[in-house]
Amino acid sequence: ISESAIGSAFDACELCGAEGYYQSGASVIC
């Protein structure tokens, strides 16, 4: 997420549940 940090999270959202995320180019998408 930056030059000195790694973002860590569950592959789940409070709104959409456990559907998860994927990457498309430079974007992360629900």
PDB file of all heavy atoms in Angstrom:
ATOM      1  N   ILE A   1       0.818  -1.220   0.000  1.00  0.00           N
ATOM      2  CA  ILE A   1       0.000   0.000   0.000  1.00  0.00           C
ATOM      3  C   ILE A   1       0.851   1.271   0.000  1.00  0.00           C
ATOM      4  O   ILE A   1       0.336   2.350  -0.232  1.00  0.00           O
ATOM      5  CB  ILE A   1      -1.008   0.022   1.167  1.00  0.00           C
ATOM      6  CG1 ILE A   1      -0.312  -0.077   2.516  1.00  0.00           C
ATOM      7  CG2 ILE A   1      -2.045  -1.092   0.999  1.00  0.00           C
ATOM      8  CD1 ILE A   1      -1.220   0.161   3.704  1.00  0.00           C
ATOM      9  N   SER A   2       2.143   1.136   0.280  1.00  0.00           N
ATOM     10  CA  SER A   2       3.077   2.259   0.203  1.00  0.00           C
ATOM     11  C   SER A   2       4.482   1.674   0.127  1.00  0.00           C
ATOM     12  O   SER A   2       4.654   0.451   0.196  1.00  0.00           O
ATOM     13  CB  SER A   2       2.934   3.188   1.412  1.00  0.00           C
ATOM     14  OG  SER A   2       3.492   2.595   2.563  1.00  0.00           O
ATOM     15  N   GLU A   3       5.467   2.541   0.020  1.00  0.00           N
ATOM     16  CA  GLU A   3       6.850   2.046  -0.069  1.00  0.00           C
ATOM     17  C   GLU A   3       7.280   1.264   1.167  1.00  0.00           C
ATOM     18  O   GLU A   3       8.162   0.425   1.089  1.00  0.00           O
ATOM     19  CB  GLU A   3       7.813   3.214  -0.314  1.00  0.00           C
ATOM     20  CG  GLU A   3       7.765   3.734  -1.726  1.00  0.00           C
ATOM     21  CD  GLU A   3       7.969   2.638  -2.772  1.00  0.00           C
ATOM     22  OE1 GLU A   3       8.922   1.843  -2.661  1.00  0.00           O
ATOM     23  OE2 GLU A   3       7.150   2.579  -3.713  1.00  0.00           O
ATOM     24  N   SER A   4       6.640   1.534   2.298  1.00  0.00           N
ATOM     25  CA  SER A   4       7.076   0.880   3.535  1.00  0.00           C
ATOM     26  C   SER A   4       5.986   0.076   4.225  1.00  0.00           C
ATOM     27  O   SER A   4       6.189  -0.372   5.350  1.00  0.00           O
ATOM     28  CB  SER A   4       7.606   1.937   4.504  1.00  0.00           C
ATOM     29  OG  SER A   4       6.572   2.856   4.815  1.00  0.00           O
ATOM     30  N   ALA A   5       4.846  -0.129   3.561  1.00  0.00           N
ATOM     31  CA  ALA A   5       3.741  -0.809   4.252  1.00  0.00           C
ATOM     32  C   ALA A   5       3.038  -1.816   3.348  1.00  0.00           C
ATOM     33  O   ALA A   5       2.920  -1.620   2.141  1.00  0.00           O
ATOM     34  CB  ALA A   5       2.736   0.212   4.764  1.00  0.00           C
ATOM     35  N   ILE A   6       2.566  -2.876   3.980  1.00  0.00           N
ATOM     36  CA  ILE A   6       1.746  -3.898   3.337  1.00  0.00           C
ATOM     37  C   ILE A   6       0.380  -3.861   4.009  1.00  0.00           C
ATOM     38  O   ILE A   6       0.288  -3.933   5.233  1.00  0.00           O
ATOM     39  CB  ILE A   6       2.363  -5.310   3.497  1.00  0.00           C
ATOM     40  CG1 ILE A   6       3.781  -5.361   2.921  1.00  0.00           C
ATOM     41  CG2 ILE A   6       1.456  -6.370   2.882  1.00  0.00           C
ATOM     42  CD1 ILE A   6       3.879  -5.232   1.423  1.00  0.00           C
ATOM     43  N   GLY A   7      -0.677  -3.734   3.210  1.00  0.00           N
ATOM     44  CA  GLY A   7      -2.032  -3.776   3.748  1.00  0.00           C
ATOM     45  C   GLY A   7      -2.462  -5.214   3.948  1.00  0.00           C
ATOM     46  O   GLY A   7      -2.195  -6.077   3.100  1.00  0.00           O
ATOM     47  N   SER A   8      -3.091  -5.484   5.065  1.00  0.00           N
ATOM     48  CA  SER A   8      -3.592  -6.839   5.342  1.00  0.00           C
ATOM     49  C   SER A   8      -5.053  -6.734   5.764  1.00  0.00           C
ATOM     50  O   SER A   8      -5.433  -5.853   6.537  1.00  0.00           O
ATOM     51  CB  SER A   8      -2.753  -7.519   6.424  1.00  0.00           C
ATOM     52  OG  SER A   8      -2.734  -6.757   7.612  1.00  0.00           O
ATOM     53  N   ALA A   9      -5.865  -7.647   5.209  1.00  0.00           N
ATOM     54  CA  ALA A   9      -7.301  -7.607   5.484  1.00  0.00           C
ATOM     55  C   ALA A   9      -7.898  -8.972   5.164  1.00  0.00           C
ATOM     56  O   ALA A   9      -7.322  -9.759   4.399  1.00  0.00           O
ATOM     57  CB  ALA A   9      -7.971  -6.536   4.630  1.00  0.00           C
ATOM     58  N   PHE A  10      -9.061  -9.220   5.734  1.00  0.00           N
ATOM     59  CA  PHE A  10      -9.806 -10.416   5.356  1.00  0.00           C
ATOM     60  C   PHE A  10     -10.354 -10.219   3.944  1.00  0.00           C
ATOM     61  O   PHE A  10     -10.602  -9.097   3.506  1.00  0.00           O
ATOM     62  CB  PHE A  10     -10.954 -10.668   6.342  1.00  0.00           C
ATOM     63  CG  PHE A  10     -10.480 -11.088   7.706  1.00  0.00           C
ATOM     64  CD1 PHE A  10     -10.485 -10.185   8.756  1.00  0.00           C
ATOM     65  CD2 PHE A  10     -10.016 -12.374   7.931  1.00  0.00           C
ATOM     66  CE1 PHE A  10     -10.035 -10.562  10.015  1.00  0.00           C
ATOM     67  CE2 PHE A  10      -9.567 -12.761   9.180  1.00  0.00           C
ATOM     68  CZ  PHE A  10      -9.582 -11.857  10.230  1.00  0.00           C
ATOM     69  N   ASP A  11     -10.563 -11.303   3.236  1.00  0.00           N
ATOM     70  CA  ASP A  11     -11.140 -11.253   1.887  1.00  0.00           C
ATOM     71  C   ASP A  11     -12.656 -11.204   2.025  1.00  0.00           C
ATOM     72  O   ASP A  11     -13.379 -12.056   1.504  1.00  0.00           O
ATOM     73  CB  ASP A  11     -10.676 -12.459   1.077  1.00  0.00           C
ATOM     74  CG  ASP A  11     -10.992 -12.343  -0.402  1.00  0.00           C
ATOM     75  OD1 ASP A  11     -11.210 -11.216  -0.888  1.00  0.00           O
ATOM     76  OD2 ASP A  11     -11.031 -13.395  -1.077  1.00  0.00           O
ATOM     77  N   ALA A  12     -13.128 -10.205   2.770  1.00  0.00           N
ATOM     78  CA  ALA A  12     -14.552 -10.058   3.064  1.00  0.00           C
ATOM     79  C   ALA A  12     -14.823  -8.598   3.422  1.00  0.00           C
ATOM     80  O   ALA A  12     -13.926  -7.871   3.834  1.00  0.00           O
ATOM     81  CB  ALA A  12     -14.960 -10.953   4.232  1.00  0.00           C
ATOM     82  N   CYS A  13     -16.090  -8.223   3.278  1.00  0.00           N
ATOM     83  CA  CYS A  13     -16.525  -6.844   3.483  1.00  0.00           C
ATOM     84  C   CYS A  13     -17.701  -6.832   4.453  1.00  0.00           C
ATOM     85  O   CYS A  13     -18.510  -7.766   4.446  1.00  0.00           O
ATOM     86  CB  CYS A  13     -16.943  -6.298   2.114  1.00  0.00           C
ATOM     87  SG  CYS A  13     -17.840  -4.755   2.120  1.00  0.00           S
ATOM     88  N   GLU A  14     -17.798  -5.789   5.258  1.00  0.00           N
ATOM     89  CA  GLU A  14     -18.944  -5.673   6.169  1.00  0.00           C
ATOM     90  C   GLU A  14     -20.253  -5.553   5.412  1.00  0.00           C
ATOM     91  O   GLU A  14     -21.299  -5.971   5.892  1.00  0.00           O
ATOM     92  CB  GLU A  14     -18.758  -4.470   7.093  1.00  0.00           C
ATOM     93  CG  GLU A  14     -17.680  -4.689   8.129  1.00  0.00           C
ATOM     94  CD  GLU A  14     -17.521  -3.506   9.066  1.00  0.00           C
ATOM     95  OE1 GLU A  14     -18.413  -2.640   9.124  1.00  0.00           O
ATOM     96  OE2 GLU A  14     -16.486  -3.462   9.751  1.00  0.00           O
ATOM     97  N   LEU A  15     -20.225  -4.971   4.216  1.00  0.00           N
ATOM     98  CA  LEU A  15     -21.447  -4.761   3.442  1.00  0.00           C
ATOM     99  C   LEU A  15     -21.795  -5.951   2.555  1.00  0.00           C
ATOM    100  O   LEU A  15     -22.953  -6.342   2.463  1.00  0.00           O
ATOM    101  CB  LEU A  15     -21.320  -3.489   2.591  1.00  0.00           C
ATOM    102  CG  LEU A  15     -21.024  -2.206   3.369  1.00  0.00           C
ATOM    103  CD1 LEU A  15     -20.754  -1.057   2.420  1.00  0.00           C
ATOM    104  CD2 LEU A  15     -22.160  -1.874   4.308  1.00  0.00           C
ATOM    105  N   CYS A  16     -20.806  -6.522   1.888  1.00  0.00           N
ATOM    106  CA  CYS A  16     -21.057  -7.576   0.895  1.00  0.00           C
ATOM    107  C   CYS A  16     -20.725  -8.976   1.393  1.00  0.00           C
ATOM    108  O   CYS A  16     -20.894  -9.945   0.663  1.00  0.00           O
ATOM    109  CB  CYS A  16     -20.276  -7.289  -0.387  1.00  0.00           C
ATOM    110  SG  CYS A  16     -20.829  -5.792  -1.230  1.00  0.00           S
ATOM    111  N   GLY A  17     -20.226  -9.103   2.608  1.00  0.00           N
ATOM    112  CA  GLY A  17     -19.926 -10.425   3.142  1.00  0.00           C
ATOM    113  C   GLY A  17     -18.663 -11.021   2.547  1.00  0.00           C
ATOM    114  O   GLY A  17     -17.711 -10.327   2.223  1.00  0.00           O
ATOM    115  N   ALA A  18     -18.693 -12.338   2.352  1.00  0.00           N
ATOM    116  CA  ALA A  18     -17.494 -13.097   1.979  1.00  0.00           C
ATOM    117  C   ALA A  18     -17.313 -13.261   0.479  1.00  0.00           C
ATOM    118  O   ALA A  18     -16.612 -14.161   0.035  1.00  0.00           O
ATOM    119  CB  ALA A  18     -17.539 -14.465   2.649  1.00  0.00           C
ATOM    120  N   GLU A  19     -17.922 -12.397  -0.312  1.00  0.00           N
ATOM    121  CA  GLU A  19     -17.744 -12.498  -1.765  1.00  0.00           C
ATOM    122  C   GLU A  19     -16.283 -12.321  -2.159  1.00  0.00           C
ATOM    123  O   GLU A  19     -15.787 -12.982  -3.047  1.00  0.00           O
ATOM    124  CB  GLU A  19     -18.609 -11.464  -2.494  1.00  0.00           C
ATOM    125  CG  GLU A  19     -20.090 -11.710  -2.353  1.00  0.00           C
ATOM    126  CD  GLU A  19     -20.537 -13.023  -2.974  1.00  0.00           C
ATOM    127  OE1 GLU A  19     -20.040 -13.381  -4.053  1.00  0.00           O
ATOM    128  OE2 GLU A  19     -21.372 -13.690  -2.358  1.00  0.00           O
ATOM    129  N   GLY A  20     -15.592 -11.398  -1.515  1.00  0.00           N
ATOM    130  CA  GLY A  20     -14.174 -11.215  -1.751  1.00  0.00           C
ATOM    131  C   GLY A  20     -13.852 -10.162  -2.789  1.00  0.00           C
ATOM    132  O   GLY A  20     -14.718  -9.421  -3.258  1.00  0.00           O
ATOM    133  N   TYR A  21     -12.586 -10.118  -3.155  1.00  0.00           N
ATOM    134  CA  TYR A  21     -12.036  -9.075  -4.009  1.00  0.00           C
ATOM    135  C   TYR A  21     -11.141  -9.682  -5.071  1.00  0.00           C
ATOM    136  O   TYR A  21     -10.634 -10.787  -4.917  1.00  0.00           O
ATOM    137  CB  TYR A  21     -11.211  -8.091  -3.169  1.00  0.00           C
ATOM    138  CG  TYR A  21     -12.023  -7.405  -2.107  1.00  0.00           C
ATOM    139  CD1 TYR A  21     -12.240  -8.011  -0.867  1.00  0.00           C
ATOM    140  CD2 TYR A  21     -12.612  -6.173  -2.338  1.00  0.00           C
ATOM    141  CE1 TYR A  21     -13.007  -7.396   0.103  1.00  0.00           C
ATOM    142  CE2 TYR A  21     -13.381  -5.552  -1.367  1.00  0.00           C
ATOM    143  CZ  TYR A  21     -13.576  -6.175  -0.158  1.00  0.00           C
ATOM    144  OH  TYR A  21     -14.337  -5.570   0.802  1.00  0.00           O
ATOM    145  N   TYR A  22     -10.939  -8.928  -6.142  1.00  0.00           N
ATOM    146  CA  TYR A  22      -9.978  -9.310  -7.166  1.00  0.00           C
ATOM    147  C   TYR A  22      -9.272  -8.051  -7.647  1.00  0.00           C
ATOM    148  O   TYR A  22      -9.725  -6.937  -7.386  1.00  0.00           O
ATOM    149  CB  TYR A  22     -10.654 -10.043  -8.332  1.00  0.00           C
ATOM    150  CG  TYR A  22     -11.584  -9.189  -9.163  1.00  0.00           C
ATOM    151  CD1 TYR A  22     -11.136  -8.571 -10.332  1.00  0.00           C
ATOM    152  CD2 TYR A  22     -12.920  -8.991  -8.777  1.00  0.00           C
ATOM    153  CE1 TYR A  22     -11.988  -7.780 -11.087  1.00  0.00           C
ATOM    154  CE2 TYR A  22     -13.768  -8.210  -9.536  1.00  0.00           C
ATOM    155  CZ  TYR A  22     -13.298  -7.600 -10.692  1.00  0.00           C
ATOM    156  OH  TYR A  22     -14.144  -6.819 -11.439  1.00  0.00           O
ATOM    157  N   GLN A  23      -8.170  -8.248  -8.355  1.00  0.00           N
ATOM    158  CA  GLN A  23      -7.425  -7.116  -8.883  1.00  0.00           C
ATOM    159  C   GLN A  23      -7.638  -7.033 -10.385  1.00  0.00           C
ATOM    160  O   GLN A  23      -7.601  -8.036 -11.093  1.00  0.00           O
ATOM    161  CB  GLN A  23      -5.940  -7.258  -8.576  1.00  0.00           C
ATOM    162  CG  GLN A  23      -5.135  -6.037  -8.979  1.00  0.00           C
ATOM    163  CD  GLN A  23      -3.711  -6.075  -8.461  1.00  0.00           C
ATOM    164  OE1 GLN A  23      -3.236  -7.099  -7.980  1.00  0.00           O
ATOM    165  NE2 GLN A  23      -3.020  -4.956  -8.543  1.00  0.00           N
ATOM    166  N   SER A  24      -7.874  -5.828 -10.851  1.00  0.00           N
ATOM    167  CA  SER A  24      -7.976  -5.553 -12.279  1.00  0.00           C
ATOM    168  C   SER A  24      -7.061  -4.374 -12.569  1.00  0.00           C
ATOM    169  O   SER A  24      -7.354  -3.246 -12.158  1.00  0.00           O
ATOM    170  CB  SER A  24      -9.421  -5.232 -12.657  1.00  0.00           C
ATOM    171  OG  SER A  24      -9.523  -4.911 -14.030  1.00  0.00           O
ATOM    172  N   GLY A  25      -5.938  -4.639 -13.206  1.00  0.00           N
ATOM    173  CA  GLY A  25      -4.960  -3.575 -13.426  1.00  0.00           C
ATOM    174  C   GLY A  25      -4.456  -3.024 -12.110  1.00  0.00           C
ATOM    175  O   GLY A  25      -4.026  -3.770 -11.250  1.00  0.00           O
ATOM    176  N   ALA A  26      -4.581  -1.717 -11.929  1.00  0.00           N
ATOM    177  CA  ALA A  26      -4.125  -1.077 -10.703  1.00  0.00           C
ATOM    178  C   ALA A  26      -5.245  -0.912  -9.683  1.00  0.00           C
ATOM    179  O   ALA A  26      -5.104  -0.167  -8.724  1.00  0.00           O
ATOM    180  CB  ALA A  26      -3.515   0.286 -11.028  1.00  0.00           C
ATOM    181  N   SER A  27      -6.362  -1.609  -9.891  1.00  0.00           N
ATOM    182  CA  SER A  27      -7.513  -1.472  -8.993  1.00  0.00           C
ATOM    183  C   SER A  27      -7.832  -2.791  -8.301  1.00  0.00           C
ATOM    184  O   SER A  27      -7.652  -3.866  -8.871  1.00  0.00           O
ATOM    185  CB  SER A  27      -8.751  -1.044  -9.788  1.00  0.00           C
ATOM    186  OG  SER A  27      -8.535   0.194 -10.410  1.00  0.00           O
ATOM    187  N   VAL A  28      -8.334  -2.691  -7.072  1.00  0.00           N
ATOM    188  CA  VAL A  28      -8.888  -3.833  -6.355  1.00  0.00           C
ATOM    189  C   VAL A  28     -10.396  -3.632  -6.343  1.00  0.00           C
ATOM    190  O   VAL A  28     -10.882  -2.547  -6.002  1.00  0.00           O
ATOM    191  CB  VAL A  28      -8.310  -3.943  -4.921  1.00  0.00           C
ATOM    192  CG1 VAL A  28      -9.027  -5.008  -4.118  1.00  0.00           C
ATOM    193  CG2 VAL A  28      -6.811  -4.252  -4.988  1.00  0.00           C
ATOM    194  N   ILE A  29     -11.143  -4.660  -6.739  1.00  0.00           N
ATOM    195  CA  ILE A  29     -12.580  -4.564  -6.969  1.00  0.00           C
ATOM    196  C   ILE A  29     -13.329  -5.595  -6.119  1.00  0.00           C
ATOM    197  O   ILE A  29     -12.898  -6.743  -6.014  1.00  0.00           O
ATOM    198  CB  ILE A  29     -12.908  -4.843  -8.456  1.00  0.00           C
ATOM    199  CG1 ILE A  29     -12.012  -4.058  -9.399  1.00  0.00           C
ATOM    200  CG2 ILE A  29     -14.387  -4.653  -8.749  1.00  0.00           C
ATOM    201  CD1 ILE A  29     -12.291  -2.609  -9.511  1.00  0.00           C
ATOM    202  N   CYS A  30     -14.466  -5.185  -5.546  1.00  0.00           N
ATOM    203  CA  CYS A  30     -15.343  -6.102  -4.818  1.00  0.00           C
ATOM    204  C   CYS A  30     -16.049  -7.006  -5.833  1.00  0.00           C
ATOM    205  O   CYS A  30     -16.629  -6.517  -6.810  1.00  0.00           O
ATOM    206  CB  CYS A  30     -16.367  -5.313  -4.016  1.00  0.00           C
ATOM    207  SG  CYS A  30     -17.613  -6.351  -3.202  1.00  0.00           S
TER     208      CYS A  30
END
